[in-house]
Protein backbone atom coordinates (compact mmCIF):
# COMPACT_ATOMS: atom_id res chain seq x y z
CA UNK A 1 0.00 0.00 0.00
CA UNK A 2 1.69 3.17 -1.18
CA UNK A 3 1.43 6.53 0.51
CA UNK A 4 -1.86 8.14 -0.55
CA UNK A 5 -1.80 11.59 -2.05
CA UNK A 6 -4.07 13.24 0.47
CA UNK A 7 -4.92 16.89 0.86
CA UNK A 8 -7.52 17.84 3.44
CA UNK A 9 -9.04 20.90 1.69
CA UNK A 10 -11.96 19.70 -0.42
CA UNK A 11 -11.65 16.06 0.66
CA UNK A 12 -14.69 14.17 1.93
CA UNK A 13 -13.68 11.59 4.53
CA UNK A 14 -15.94 8.70 5.42
CA UNK A 15 -15.36 6.44 8.39
CA UNK A 16 -15.85 2.71 8.76
CA UNK A 17 -15.82 1.94 12.46
CA UNK A 18 -15.05 4.26 15.33
CA UNK A 19 -11.57 5.62 15.95
CA UNK A 20 -9.95 3.73 18.82
CA UNK A 21 -7.65 6.49 20.00
CA UNK A 22 -9.45 9.76 19.28
CA UNK A 23 -13.06 11.01 19.48
CA UNK A 24 -14.62 11.25 16.04
CA UNK A 25 -16.35 14.54 16.84
CA UNK A 26 -12.99 16.19 17.54
CA UNK A 27 -11.52 14.77 14.35
CA UNK A 28 -14.56 16.08 12.42
CA UNK A 29 -14.02 19.53 13.91
CA UNK A 30 -10.37 19.52 12.85
CA UNK A 31 -11.21 18.30 9.33
CA UNK A 32 -13.75 21.09 9.00
CA UNK A 33 -11.19 23.61 10.24
CA UNK A 34 -8.88 22.43 7.46
CA UNK A 35 -11.70 22.86 4.90
CA UNK A 36 -12.64 19.22 4.44
CA UNK A 37 -15.62 17.09 5.53
CA UNK A 38 -15.82 14.03 7.76
CA UNK A 39 -18.91 11.81 7.89
CA UNK A 40 -19.82 8.44 9.36
CA UNK A 41 -20.32 5.89 6.62
CA UNK A 42 -19.69 6.16 2.89
CA UNK A 43 -21.55 7.99 0.11
CA UNK A 44 -20.81 8.70 -3.56
CA UNK A 45 -19.13 11.95 -2.54
CA UNK A 46 -16.67 10.17 -0.23
CA UNK A 47 -13.13 10.53 -1.53
CA UNK A 48 -11.16 9.04 1.40
CA UNK A 49 -12.12 6.14 3.68
CA UNK A 50 -10.75 5.96 7.22
CA UNK A 51 -10.82 2.50 8.81
CA UNK A 52 -11.16 2.87 12.57
CA UNK A 53 -9.47 0.15 14.60
CA UNK A 54 -12.63 -0.67 16.56
CA UNK A 55 -13.73 -2.56 13.43
CA UNK A 56 -11.15 -5.20 14.32
CA UNK A 57 -12.60 -5.98 17.73
CA UNK A 58 -16.13 -6.18 16.35
CA UNK A 59 -15.02 -8.42 13.48
CA UNK A 60 -13.71 -10.91 16.00
CA UNK A 61 -17.23 -11.26 17.40
CA UNK A 62 -19.23 -11.59 14.17
CA UNK A 63 -19.91 -14.43 11.73
CA UNK A 64 -18.40 -12.60 8.79
CA UNK A 65 -15.28 -11.84 10.84
CA UNK A 66 -12.19 -10.60 9.07
CA UNK A 67 -13.58 -11.70 5.70
CA UNK A 68 -16.17 -8.95 6.04
CA UNK A 69 -13.41 -6.38 6.49
CA UNK A 70 -11.53 -7.77 3.50
CA UNK A 71 -14.63 -7.47 1.31
CA UNK A 72 -15.22 -3.89 2.45
CA UNK A 73 -11.58 -2.94 1.82
CA UNK A 74 -11.72 -4.47 -1.67
CA UNK A 75 -15.00 -2.71 -2.46
CA UNK A 76 -13.79 0.73 -1.38
CA UNK A 77 -10.51 0.30 -3.23
CA UNK A 78 -12.38 -0.81 -6.37
CA UNK A 79 -14.53 2.33 -6.10
CA UNK A 80 -11.36 4.39 -6.46
CA UNK A 81 -11.36 5.81 -2.94
CA UNK A 82 -8.19 6.43 -0.97
CA UNK A 83 -7.92 4.14 2.06
CA UNK A 84 -6.33 5.55 5.21
CA UNK A 85 -5.50 3.95 8.55
CA UNK A 86 -6.56 5.55 11.79
CA UNK A 87 -3.01 6.65 12.63
CA UNK A 88 -2.44 7.85 9.08
CA UNK A 89 -5.58 9.97 9.32
CA UNK A 90 -4.54 11.52 12.63
CA UNK A 91 -1.06 12.24 11.25
CA UNK A 92 -2.61 13.89 8.22
CA UNK A 93 -4.57 16.20 10.48
CA UNK A 94 -1.52 16.99 12.60
CA UNK A 95 -3.10 15.31 15.63
CA UNK A 96 -0.43 12.63 15.89
CA UNK A 97 3.33 12.84 15.49
CA UNK A 98 4.73 11.24 12.36
CA UNK A 99 7.34 8.46 12.82
CA UNK A 100 10.95 8.98 11.83
CA UNK A 101 11.96 9.12 8.19
CA UNK A 102 12.07 5.77 6.40
CA UNK A 103 13.10 4.41 3.02
CA UNK A 104 11.88 0.83 2.49
CA UNK A 105 9.39 0.30 -0.33
CA UNK A 106 6.42 -2.02 -0.05
CA UNK A 107 7.97 -4.49 -2.49
CA UNK A 108 11.27 -4.49 -0.62
CA UNK A 109 9.48 -5.19 2.65
CA UNK A 110 7.61 -8.11 1.07
CA UNK A 111 10.77 -9.59 -0.42
CA UNK A 112 12.83 -9.27 2.75
CA UNK A 113 10.16 -10.45 5.18
CA UNK A 114 8.24 -13.02 3.09
CA UNK A 115 5.02 -11.52 4.45
CA UNK A 116 2.22 -11.88 1.85
CA UNK A 117 1.40 -8.56 0.21
CA UNK A 118 -2.32 -8.78 1.02
CA UNK A 119 -1.53 -9.30 4.70
CA UNK A 120 0.98 -6.45 4.65
CA UNK A 121 -1.62 -4.07 3.23
CA UNK A 122 -4.30 -5.04 5.75
CA UNK A 123 -1.90 -4.92 8.70
CA UNK A 124 -0.75 -1.49 7.50
CA UNK A 125 -4.34 -0.30 7.18
CA UNK A 126 -4.90 -1.25 10.82
CA UNK A 127 -1.65 0.27 12.10
CA UNK A 128 0.26 -2.90 12.95
CA UNK A 129 3.43 -1.17 11.74
CA UNK A 130 5.21 2.00 12.69
CA UNK A 131 4.24 3.45 9.30
CA UNK A 132 0.82 2.99 7.73
CA UNK A 133 2.17 2.90 4.15
CA UNK A 134 5.42 3.01 2.25
CA UNK A 135 8.12 4.06 2.72
CA UNK A 136 8.50 1.70 5.69
CA UNK A 137 11.21 1.71 8.36
CA UNK A 138 13.74 -0.89 9.48
CA UNK A 139 11.60 -1.47 12.58
CA UNK A 140 8.69 -2.19 10.23
CA UNK A 141 10.84 -4.80 8.51
CA UNK A 142 11.54 -6.48 11.85
CA UNK A 143 7.82 -6.51 12.60
CA UNK A 144 7.01 -7.82 9.12
CA UNK A 145 9.37 -10.75 9.65
CA UNK A 146 7.74 -11.54 12.98
CA UNK A 147 4.28 -11.32 11.44
CA UNK A 148 5.37 -13.55 8.55
CA UNK A 149 6.41 -16.17 11.10
CA UNK A 150 3.04 -15.92 12.81
CA UNK A 151 1.21 -16.26 9.48
CA UNK A 152 3.31 -19.32 8.68
CA UNK A 153 2.27 -20.71 12.06
CA UNK A 154 -1.41 -20.37 11.21
CA UNK A 155 -2.28 -16.89 12.50
CA UNK A 156 -4.54 -14.64 10.43
CA UNK A 157 -3.78 -10.99 9.76
CA UNK A 158 -6.82 -10.08 11.86
CA UNK A 159 -5.62 -12.03 14.90
CA UNK A 160 -2.24 -10.35 14.62
CA UNK A 161 -3.71 -6.86 14.28
CA UNK A 162 -6.08 -7.34 17.21
CA UNK A 163 -3.25 -8.62 19.36
CA UNK A 164 -0.56 -6.05 18.70
CA UNK A 165 -2.76 -3.14 19.74
CA UNK A 166 -3.08 -4.57 23.24
CA UNK A 167 0.66 -4.42 23.86
CA UNK A 168 1.34 -0.68 23.68
CA UNK A 169 3.22 1.00 20.80
CA UNK A 170 3.76 -1.54 18.02
CA UNK A 171 7.42 -0.53 17.71
CA UNK A 172 8.01 -1.97 21.20
CA UNK A 173 7.35 -5.45 19.79
CA UNK A 174 10.53 -5.41 17.73
CA UNK A 175 12.54 -6.62 20.74
CA UNK A 176 10.05 -9.30 21.79
CA UNK A 177 9.36 -12.84 20.64
CA UNK A 178 5.85 -13.57 19.36
CA UNK A 179 4.11 -16.92 19.09
CA UNK A 180 0.77 -18.15 17.81
CA UNK A 181 -1.49 -19.07 20.72
CA UNK A 182 -2.57 -22.40 19.22
CA UNK A 183 -0.09 -24.14 21.50
CA UNK A 184 -2.16 -22.78 24.40
CA UNK A 185 -5.51 -23.62 22.86
CA UNK A 186 -6.02 -20.07 21.57
CA UNK A 187 -5.42 -19.98 17.79
CA UNK A 188 -7.05 -16.53 17.69
CA UNK A 189 -4.42 -14.98 19.97
CA UNK A 190 -0.74 -14.11 19.87
CA UNK A 191 1.46 -14.55 22.93
CA UNK A 192 4.56 -12.77 24.14
CA UNK A 193 7.38 -14.94 25.42
CA UNK A 194 8.93 -14.10 28.75
CA UNK A 195 5.88 -12.41 30.25
CA UNK A 196 4.96 -12.20 33.89
CA UNK A 197 1.56 -13.87 33.80
CA UNK A 198 0.95 -17.17 35.53
CA UNK A 199 -0.15 -18.92 32.35
CA UNK A 200 2.87 -21.08 31.47
CA UNK A 201 5.15 -18.07 31.74
CA UNK A 202 3.35 -16.40 28.86
CA UNK A 203 1.72 -12.99 28.70
CA UNK A 204 -1.52 -13.06 26.74
CA UNK A 205 -2.22 -9.66 25.32
CA UNK A 206 -5.20 -10.32 23.08
CA UNK A 207 -8.21 -10.64 25.35
CA UNK A 208 -10.45 -11.34 22.39
CA UNK A 209 -13.18 -8.95 23.46
CA UNK A 210 -14.35 -5.57 22.28
CA UNK A 211 -13.96 -2.72 24.70
CA UNK A 212 -15.49 0.73 25.00
CA UNK A 213 -18.75 2.34 26.01
CA UNK A 214 -21.97 2.47 24.06
CA UNK A 215 -20.81 5.44 22.01
CA UNK A 216 -22.49 7.03 19.03
CA UNK A 217 -20.09 5.18 16.76
CA UNK A 218 -21.02 1.88 18.42
CA UNK A 219 -24.71 2.61 17.83
CA UNK A 220 -24.09 3.54 14.21
CA UNK A 221 -22.10 0.34 13.61
CA UNK A 222 -24.81 -1.71 15.31
CA UNK A 223 -27.43 -0.06 13.12
CA UNK A 224 -25.42 -0.80 9.97
CA UNK A 225 -25.06 -4.44 11.00
CA UNK A 226 -28.80 -4.75 11.64
CA UNK A 227 -29.54 -3.13 8.27
CA UNK A 228 -27.13 -5.44 6.47
CA UNK A 229 -28.75 -8.40 8.21
CA UNK A 230 -32.21 -7.39 7.00
CA UNK A 231 -33.57 -6.38 10.42
CA UNK A 232 -34.91 -3.07 9.17
CA UNK A 233 -37.15 -2.28 12.12
CA UNK A 234 -34.31 -2.61 14.60
CA UNK A 235 -31.93 -0.74 12.33
CA UNK A 236 -34.38 2.15 11.98
CA UNK A 237 -34.72 2.34 15.77
CA UNK A 238 -30.95 2.37 16.20
CA UNK A 239 -30.49 5.08 13.57
CA UNK A 240 -33.14 7.09 15.40
CA UNK A 241 -31.05 6.82 18.56
CA UNK A 242 -28.05 8.06 16.57
CA UNK A 243 -30.07 11.03 15.38
CA UNK A 244 -31.21 11.77 18.92
CA UNK A 245 -27.54 12.09 19.91
CA UNK A 246 -26.44 13.88 16.73
CA UNK A 247 -29.36 15.50 14.87
CA UNK A 248 -26.98 16.81 12.18
CA UNK A 249 -26.04 13.34 10.86
CA UNK A 250 -27.41 13.26 7.31
CA UNK A 251 -26.18 9.72 6.67
CA UNK A 252 -28.03 8.36 9.72
CA UNK A 253 -31.21 10.05 8.46
CA UNK A 254 -30.67 8.60 4.98
CA UNK A 255 -29.97 5.10 6.28
CA UNK A 256 -33.04 5.27 8.52
CA UNK A 257 -35.13 6.30 5.52
CA UNK A 258 -33.86 3.28 3.58
CA UNK A 259 -34.81 0.98 6.46
CA UNK A 260 -38.24 2.54 6.83
CA UNK A 261 -38.84 2.21 3.09
CA UNK A 262 -37.81 -1.46 3.19
CA UNK A 263 -40.19 -1.97 6.11
CA UNK A 264 -43.13 -0.49 4.23
CA UNK A 265 -43.24 2.86 6.05
CA UNK A 266 -43.23 5.09 2.97
CA UNK A 267 -44.40 8.33 4.58
CA UNK A 268 -41.82 8.16 7.37
CA UNK A 269 -39.14 7.21 4.82
CA UNK A 270 -39.96 10.27 2.70
CA UNK A 271 -39.69 12.44 5.81
CA UNK A 272 -36.22 11.14 6.61
CA UNK A 273 -35.01 11.42 3.00
CA UNK A 274 -36.13 15.05 3.11
CA UNK A 275 -34.38 15.43 6.44
CA UNK A 276 -31.13 14.07 4.99
CA UNK A 277 -31.40 16.51 2.07
CA UNK A 278 -32.07 19.43 4.40
CA UNK A 279 -28.95 18.51 6.42
CA UNK A 280 -26.87 17.97 3.28
CA UNK A 281 -28.37 19.50 0.10
CA UNK A 282 -25.66 17.82 -2.01
CA UNK A 283 -26.56 14.31 -0.77
CA UNK A 284 -27.17 12.87 -4.21
CA UNK A 285 -28.25 9.39 -3.05
CA UNK A 286 -30.97 10.94 -0.90
CA UNK A 287 -32.36 12.83 -3.90
CA UNK A 288 -32.25 9.63 -5.96
CA UNK A 289 -33.92 7.41 -3.36
CA UNK A 290 -36.60 10.00 -2.65
CA UNK A 291 -37.30 10.09 -6.39
CA UNK A 292 -37.71 6.32 -6.35
CA UNK A 293 -40.17 6.56 -3.49
CA UNK A 294 -42.15 9.25 -5.31
CA UNK A 295 -42.22 7.12 -8.45
CA UNK A 296 -43.54 4.12 -6.49
CA UNK A 297 -46.40 6.32 -5.28
CA UNK A 298 -47.21 7.51 -8.80
CA UNK A 299 -45.94 11.03 -8.12
CA UNK A 300 -44.01 11.28 -11.37
CA UNK A 301 -43.65 15.06 -11.38
CA UNK A 302 -41.90 15.00 -8.02
CA UNK A 303 -39.84 11.98 -9.04
CA UNK A 304 -38.73 13.72 -12.24
CA UNK A 305 -37.70 16.83 -10.31
CA UNK A 306 -35.67 14.86 -7.77
CA UNK A 307 -33.94 12.80 -10.47
CA UNK A 308 -32.99 15.96 -12.34
CA UNK A 309 -31.50 17.33 -9.12
CA UNK A 310 -29.50 14.13 -8.59
CA UNK A 311 -28.11 14.33 -12.14
CA UNK A 312 -27.22 17.99 -11.69
CA UNK A 313 -25.33 17.17 -8.49
CA UNK A 314 -23.42 14.21 -9.96
CA UNK A 315 -23.31 13.99 -13.75
CA UNK A 316 -21.49 10.65 -13.59
CA UNK A 317 -24.21 8.96 -11.53
CA UNK A 318 -25.80 6.57 -14.02
CA UNK A 319 -28.82 5.34 -12.03
CA UNK A 320 -30.86 8.57 -12.01
CA UNK A 321 -30.19 8.98 -15.74
CA UNK A 322 -31.71 5.55 -16.41
CA UNK A 323 -34.72 6.13 -14.18
CA UNK A 324 -35.40 9.53 -15.69
CA UNK A 325 -35.23 8.00 -19.18
CA UNK A 326 -37.84 5.47 -18.12
CA UNK A 327 -40.10 8.22 -16.77
CA UNK A 328 -39.80 10.20 -19.99
CA UNK A 329 -40.52 7.10 -22.06
CA UNK A 330 -43.63 6.32 -20.04
CA UNK A 331 -44.75 9.94 -20.49
CA UNK A 332 -44.37 9.61 -24.27
CA UNK A 333 -41.41 11.98 -24.51
CA UNK A 334 -39.44 9.66 -26.78
CA UNK A 335 -36.67 12.03 -27.97
CA UNK A 336 -35.78 12.92 -24.36
CA UNK A 337 -35.92 9.27 -23.31
CA UNK A 338 -33.55 8.40 -26.16
CA UNK A 339 -31.14 11.20 -25.19
CA UNK A 340 -31.05 9.98 -21.61
CA UNK A 341 -30.55 6.33 -22.57
CA UNK A 342 -27.67 7.32 -24.83
CA UNK A 343 -26.16 9.23 -21.92
CA UNK A 344 -26.65 6.21 -19.68
CA UNK A 345 -24.74 4.05 -22.14
CA UNK A 346 -21.87 6.54 -22.01
CA UNK A 347 -21.73 6.00 -18.24
CA UNK A 348 -22.43 2.26 -18.19
CA UNK A 349 -21.93 0.19 -21.30
CA UNK A 350 -21.65 -3.30 -19.83
CA UNK A 351 -24.31 -4.00 -17.20
CA UNK A 352 -27.69 -5.66 -17.59
CA UNK A 353 -29.30 -2.21 -17.46
CA UNK A 354 -27.06 -1.11 -20.32
CA UNK A 355 -28.69 -3.81 -22.45
CA UNK A 356 -32.11 -2.45 -21.53
CA UNK A 357 -31.00 1.08 -22.41
CA UNK A 358 -29.64 -0.07 -25.78
CA UNK A 359 -32.93 -1.77 -26.58
CA UNK A 360 -34.74 1.39 -25.53
CA UNK A 361 -32.70 3.45 -27.99
CA UNK A 362 -33.43 0.94 -30.78
CA UNK A 363 -37.15 0.97 -29.99
CA UNK A 364 -37.34 4.77 -30.00
CA UNK A 365 -35.43 4.91 -33.29
CA UNK A 366 -37.92 2.49 -34.84
CA UNK A 367 -40.87 4.47 -33.53
CA UNK A 368 -39.47 7.78 -34.75
CA UNK A 369 -38.67 6.26 -38.14
CA UNK A 370 -42.25 5.02 -38.49
CA UNK A 371 -43.58 8.43 -37.55
CA UNK A 372 -41.31 10.11 -40.04
CA UNK A 373 -42.37 7.63 -42.75
């Protein structure tokens, strides 16, 4: 993982998980002071994704586990967003001192340590090294070699990352011997040799449990998990609790609206979509989803207006273009429907919907040709 080119002014930061070492509200205040934006969750406007380390503890307690994190990392990277570790984010804001200068490249670290590149990137993203990206330091190389030994012994990157953050500064591990806990019946833990605990002379420093109070970030993460699991009623209630704590959270209002809509509460969903838009007038997904709700209710004029707003806010957002084309087609405005379908194909030429758009263009051409004849 190379050093991201990050500049705070104009950047829109989204968070996945709470920050373990710094209150999110204070980080948001500092981002705003530096002319950027910080929001919980991810939207189309998000340019940089910060992975809070609390995600690790929660992953250890869920069915999806570390695989869920890996999928989320892959998805955000595929979307072209810049991924930043918690420490990297705090250093960017000037809230945490940067480590000493270093010179090792990612490839050099992989070659000298034999640590798999995918594990290196994930461990870096969750601050298991002194540096969160290249160039790495000599101490990072020592750690990478230790981690490679643990991986060879059967440890996962997630078990390593969860463990190292319970031992103090990661750089302090360079002088210590690490072992996979499978020899003690704990394959999910890493042990320090030479500790002072009574357990076979070992010091266990991964307790395997999440810590922290029921913070706003915890509630938001719980709501997201309920939503992902299809429990829309519970998710809506949790998002409402988030909004009670922070009434300015447009994403919580938007997510609640989605849950209410899925649960059949259309009027309440429309209210929360409107609330999200009032809090963030540039929230393009809220405009789009509200348009969809209006269309479902047969309110095509409102739907058309909201879709046009979504397109004006984000001209590369293909979905509202397609839906507006369909509205225009149903209204008999064939030339405008054709124009919009052609535009959709410029944005998306390969999906199943692209095939529908292409057929729509062909159909309109046939109809117009007949009319002209």
